Protein backbone atom coordinates (compact mmCIF):
# COMPACT_ATOMS: atom_id res chain seq x y z
CA MET A 1 125.70 125.72 75.63
CA ASN A 2 122.54 124.93 77.15
CA GLY A 3 121.01 125.07 74.10
CA ARG A 4 121.70 128.36 72.76
CA PRO A 5 124.24 128.46 69.85
CA MET A 6 127.90 129.76 70.19
CA ARG A 7 128.73 133.14 70.22
CA VAL A 8 131.66 133.64 67.49
CA VAL A 9 133.48 137.28 66.65
CA ALA A 10 135.74 136.56 63.71
CA VAL A 11 139.03 138.33 62.74
CA ASP A 12 141.02 138.76 60.40
CA ASP A 13 143.15 141.30 57.80
CA HIS A 14 142.50 139.64 54.77
CA PRO A 15 138.32 140.38 54.04
CA VAL A 16 137.99 137.79 51.17
CA PHE A 17 139.97 135.23 53.85
CA LEU A 18 137.53 136.59 56.54
CA ARG A 19 134.42 136.11 54.30
CA GLY A 20 135.19 132.65 53.08
CA ILE A 21 135.56 131.86 57.24
CA VAL A 22 131.88 133.75 58.11
CA ALA A 23 130.37 131.54 55.76
CA CYS A 24 132.01 127.98 56.99
CA LEU A 25 130.84 129.25 60.54
CA GLU A 26 127.69 129.80 59.89
CA ASP A 27 127.06 126.92 57.95
CA ALA A 28 126.90 124.85 61.34
CA PRO A 29 123.75 125.13 63.11
CA ASP A 30 125.41 125.46 66.86
CA VAL A 31 127.09 128.97 65.77
CA GLU A 32 126.21 132.34 65.56
CA VAL A 33 128.79 134.71 63.96
CA CYS A 34 128.06 138.23 66.13
CA GLY A 35 130.82 140.21 65.30
CA THR A 36 133.36 140.01 63.14
CA ALA A 37 137.31 142.23 62.59
CA THR A 38 139.95 143.61 59.59
CA SER A 39 142.43 145.30 63.18
CA ALA A 40 143.39 145.05 65.95
CA ALA A 41 141.79 147.90 67.37
CA ASP A 42 138.49 146.97 65.67
CA ALA A 43 138.74 143.52 67.59
CA LEU A 44 139.12 144.54 71.14
CA ALA A 45 135.92 147.00 70.41
CA THR A 46 133.88 144.09 68.73
CA ILE A 47 134.02 141.88 71.62
CA ALA A 48 134.23 144.18 74.16
CA ALA A 49 130.44 144.83 73.21
CA THR A 50 129.45 141.81 72.00
CA ALA A 51 131.10 139.00 74.80
CA PRO A 52 131.47 136.77 72.43
CA ASP A 53 132.08 132.64 73.81
CA VAL A 54 135.54 132.34 71.71
CA VAL A 55 137.40 134.30 69.26
CA LEU A 56 138.74 133.03 66.22
CA LEU A 57 142.36 135.22 65.81
CA ASP A 58 144.61 135.95 63.71
CA LEU A 59 148.35 137.09 64.57
CA ASN A 60 149.03 139.06 61.08
CA LEU A 61 147.20 142.40 61.92
CA GLY A 62 147.29 145.44 60.12
CA ASP A 63 147.60 147.87 63.28
CA GLY A 64 148.85 145.02 66.00
CA ASN A 65 148.77 141.14 66.49
CA GLY A 66 147.03 138.32 67.84
CA ILE A 67 149.19 137.95 70.29
CA ALA A 68 148.65 141.32 72.24
CA VAL A 69 145.24 141.30 71.54
CA THR A 70 144.51 138.23 73.67
CA ARG A 71 146.71 139.50 76.46
CA SER A 72 144.72 142.31 76.11
CA LEU A 73 141.62 140.59 76.73
CA ARG A 74 143.09 138.59 79.41
CA ALA A 75 144.25 141.69 81.23
CA ASP A 76 140.59 143.15 80.83
CA GLY A 77 138.77 140.49 82.15
CA PHE A 78 137.53 137.84 79.02
CA ARG A 79 136.00 135.31 80.21
CA GLY A 80 135.60 133.59 76.76
CA ALA A 81 138.27 131.59 75.02
CA VAL A 82 140.51 132.35 71.94
CA LEU A 83 141.04 130.08 69.33
CA VAL A 84 144.41 131.12 67.05
CA LEU A 85 144.29 130.74 62.98
CA THR A 86 147.58 131.67 61.88
CA MET A 87 149.85 130.73 58.69
CA TYR A 88 152.91 130.95 61.31
CA GLU A 89 153.77 127.08 61.99
CA ASP A 90 156.44 127.77 64.22
CA GLU A 91 157.39 127.25 68.79
CA LEU A 92 157.85 130.86 68.92
CA ALA A 93 154.15 131.58 67.96
CA LEU A 94 152.73 128.25 69.39
CA ARG A 95 154.06 129.38 72.59
CA ALA A 96 154.07 132.82 72.25
CA ALA A 97 149.76 131.99 71.51
CA PHE A 98 149.09 130.05 74.67
CA GLU A 99 151.47 132.44 76.91
CA ALA A 100 149.62 135.00 75.95
CA GLY A 101 145.95 132.98 77.33
CA ALA A 102 144.80 131.44 73.65
CA ARG A 103 143.44 128.15 74.01
CA GLY A 104 143.83 126.90 70.76
CA TYR A 105 146.23 127.56 67.36
CA LEU A 106 145.02 126.39 63.93
CA LEU A 107 146.80 126.73 60.51
CA LYS A 108 145.34 128.30 57.94
CA GLY A 109 145.04 125.35 55.86
CA ALA A 110 142.48 123.93 58.60
CA ASP A 111 139.61 122.29 56.71
CA GLN A 112 135.84 123.51 58.18
CA ASP A 113 135.23 120.16 60.57
CA GLU A 114 138.64 121.15 62.41
CA ILE A 115 137.83 124.80 62.61
CA LEU A 116 134.48 123.82 64.25
CA GLY A 117 135.15 121.30 66.43
CA ALA A 118 138.22 123.21 67.59
CA LEU A 119 136.13 125.69 68.28
CA ARG A 120 133.84 123.82 69.96
CA THR A 121 136.40 122.20 72.15
CA VAL A 122 137.97 125.18 73.32
CA VAL A 123 134.67 126.76 74.55
CA ALA A 124 133.98 123.43 76.54
CA GLY A 125 137.67 124.07 77.79
CA GLY A 126 139.25 122.20 75.87
CA LEU A 127 143.09 122.76 74.73
CA VAL A 128 143.77 121.98 70.77
CA VAL A 129 146.41 122.47 68.56
CA GLY A 130 146.30 122.15 64.63
CA ALA A 131 147.86 118.04 64.29
CA GLN A 132 150.61 119.72 62.27
CA LEU A 133 151.78 120.78 65.71
CA ALA A 134 151.10 117.90 68.29
CA ASP A 135 154.69 117.36 68.72
CA ARG A 136 155.43 121.13 69.30
CA LEU A 137 152.39 121.18 71.92
CA ALA A 138 153.47 118.79 73.95
CA ASP A 139 157.13 120.35 74.28
CA LEU A 140 155.36 123.07 75.26
CA LEU A 141 153.49 121.38 77.87
CA GLY A 142 156.42 119.94 78.94
CA SER A 143 158.67 122.77 79.52
CA THR A 144 158.08 126.90 80.93
CA ARG A 145 160.50 127.58 78.38
CA PRO A 146 163.04 125.39 76.01
CA GLU A 147 166.52 126.09 77.29
CA ALA A 148 167.90 126.50 72.99
CA PRO A 149 164.78 127.01 70.47
CA ARG A 150 165.13 125.18 67.46
CA ARG A 151 165.23 127.77 65.41
CA VAL A 152 166.65 131.34 66.36
CA ALA A 153 162.76 132.62 67.90
CA GLY A 154 161.27 130.03 65.05
CA LEU A 155 162.74 133.36 62.78
CA SER A 156 163.06 132.90 59.29
CA ASP A 157 166.93 133.27 58.37
CA ARG A 158 166.88 136.79 57.18
CA GLU A 159 164.30 137.99 59.61
CA THR A 160 166.34 136.57 62.33
CA GLU A 161 169.07 139.14 60.72
CA VAL A 162 166.64 141.68 60.87
CA LEU A 163 166.06 140.80 64.21
CA SER A 164 169.39 140.79 65.33
CA LEU A 165 169.94 144.71 63.47
CA ILE A 166 167.30 145.64 65.47
CA VAL A 167 168.18 144.56 68.54
CA ALA A 168 172.00 146.29 67.52
CA GLY A 169 169.37 149.42 67.88
CA ARG A 170 169.81 149.85 63.61
CA THR A 171 167.46 152.20 62.22
CA ASN A 172 164.68 151.35 59.21
CA THR A 173 166.99 153.20 56.68
CA GLU A 174 170.70 151.49 58.18
CA ILE A 175 168.51 147.57 57.69
CA THR A 176 167.72 148.68 54.63
CA ARG A 177 171.42 149.54 52.85
CA GLU A 178 173.19 147.09 55.49
CA LEU A 179 170.95 144.11 53.69
CA VAL A 180 170.68 145.98 50.63
CA VAL A 181 166.87 145.18 49.98
CA SER A 182 163.83 147.58 49.86
CA ALA A 183 162.37 149.64 52.52
CA LYS A 184 159.00 147.62 51.66
CA THR A 185 160.51 144.37 52.27
CA VAL A 186 161.61 145.98 55.51
CA ARG A 187 158.87 147.00 56.36
CA ASN A 188 157.63 143.78 56.02
CA HIS A 189 160.23 141.18 57.67
CA ILE A 190 159.44 143.71 60.51
CA THR A 191 155.99 143.33 60.69
CA ASN A 192 156.34 139.10 60.91
CA ILE A 193 158.66 139.18 63.33
CA PHE A 194 156.44 141.71 65.40
CA ALA A 195 153.46 138.57 65.00
CA LYS A 196 155.72 136.39 65.42
CA LEU A 197 157.29 137.51 68.96
CA GLY A 198 154.03 139.33 70.11
CA VAL A 199 155.33 142.48 70.30
CA THR A 200 154.10 145.78 68.73
CA ASP A 201 156.70 147.64 69.27
CA ARG A 202 161.30 147.26 68.92
CA GLU A 203 161.95 147.71 72.84
CA GLN A 204 159.35 144.83 73.08
CA ALA A 205 160.95 142.44 70.37
CA VAL A 206 164.60 143.32 72.16
CA GLU A 207 163.35 142.46 75.44
CA ARG A 208 160.84 139.33 74.40
CA ALA A 209 164.51 137.96 72.40
CA ARG A 210 165.93 137.85 76.39
CA GLU A 211 163.30 136.27 77.95
CA LEU A 212 163.86 133.46 74.91
CA GLY A 213 167.30 133.34 76.10
CA LEU A 214 169.02 134.41 72.27
CA SER A 215 171.69 136.79 73.09
CA HIS A 216 174.15 134.63 72.09
CA ARG A 217 172.51 133.94 69.01
CA LEU A 218 172.00 137.33 68.47
CA GLY A 219 175.59 138.44 69.30
CA ASP A 220 174.40 141.72 71.37
CA PRO A 221 177.40 141.84 73.76
CA ARG A 222 174.97 143.39 76.92
CA TRP A 223 173.57 139.67 77.27
CA GLN A 224 176.65 138.03 77.21
């Protein structure tokens, strides 16, 4: 960094976790936290205003998701690095993050040394993932797209069921009734699905499912 601190914007929708991350970063003499954000919209505005060297980015944000943020940054010509820090430990989220333009992917159990080391690596132009995901990164680099995902879209069984109903055109109310769960539970599942798929609405979710070759598993006759 030519003797100057590495400038970081930290993004997470949980204020308590975000404060902990900031404290972790500020302990390092070669790091300057130049901004924070708790939503996708705030993240894009803060990054545009501060032009950081690296963004430490959560995937699940209240008004969107980190994959969509990463895509927007790349489309707008952002030249810094993006390091994802998330709870999602699956192939789909990992693949979507790197396809969007992220340089690193860590799980939220990572310790201070791992986070700081990863930030330095991606700023230097390297690629990094958490140790738990090393095998999946090897699979990701070995092919542009898997022929058959290990799990349906990297989703839980229930999330896959909800996605299949979205593909079938069901509304939230219809999904609630069909699965005999609360409206809040359905909304939570859809939020997780969108974050893992890196999409922001139902239409994009259906398109992403098509791209991933999930037509047979989801049983949509239009994709047979």
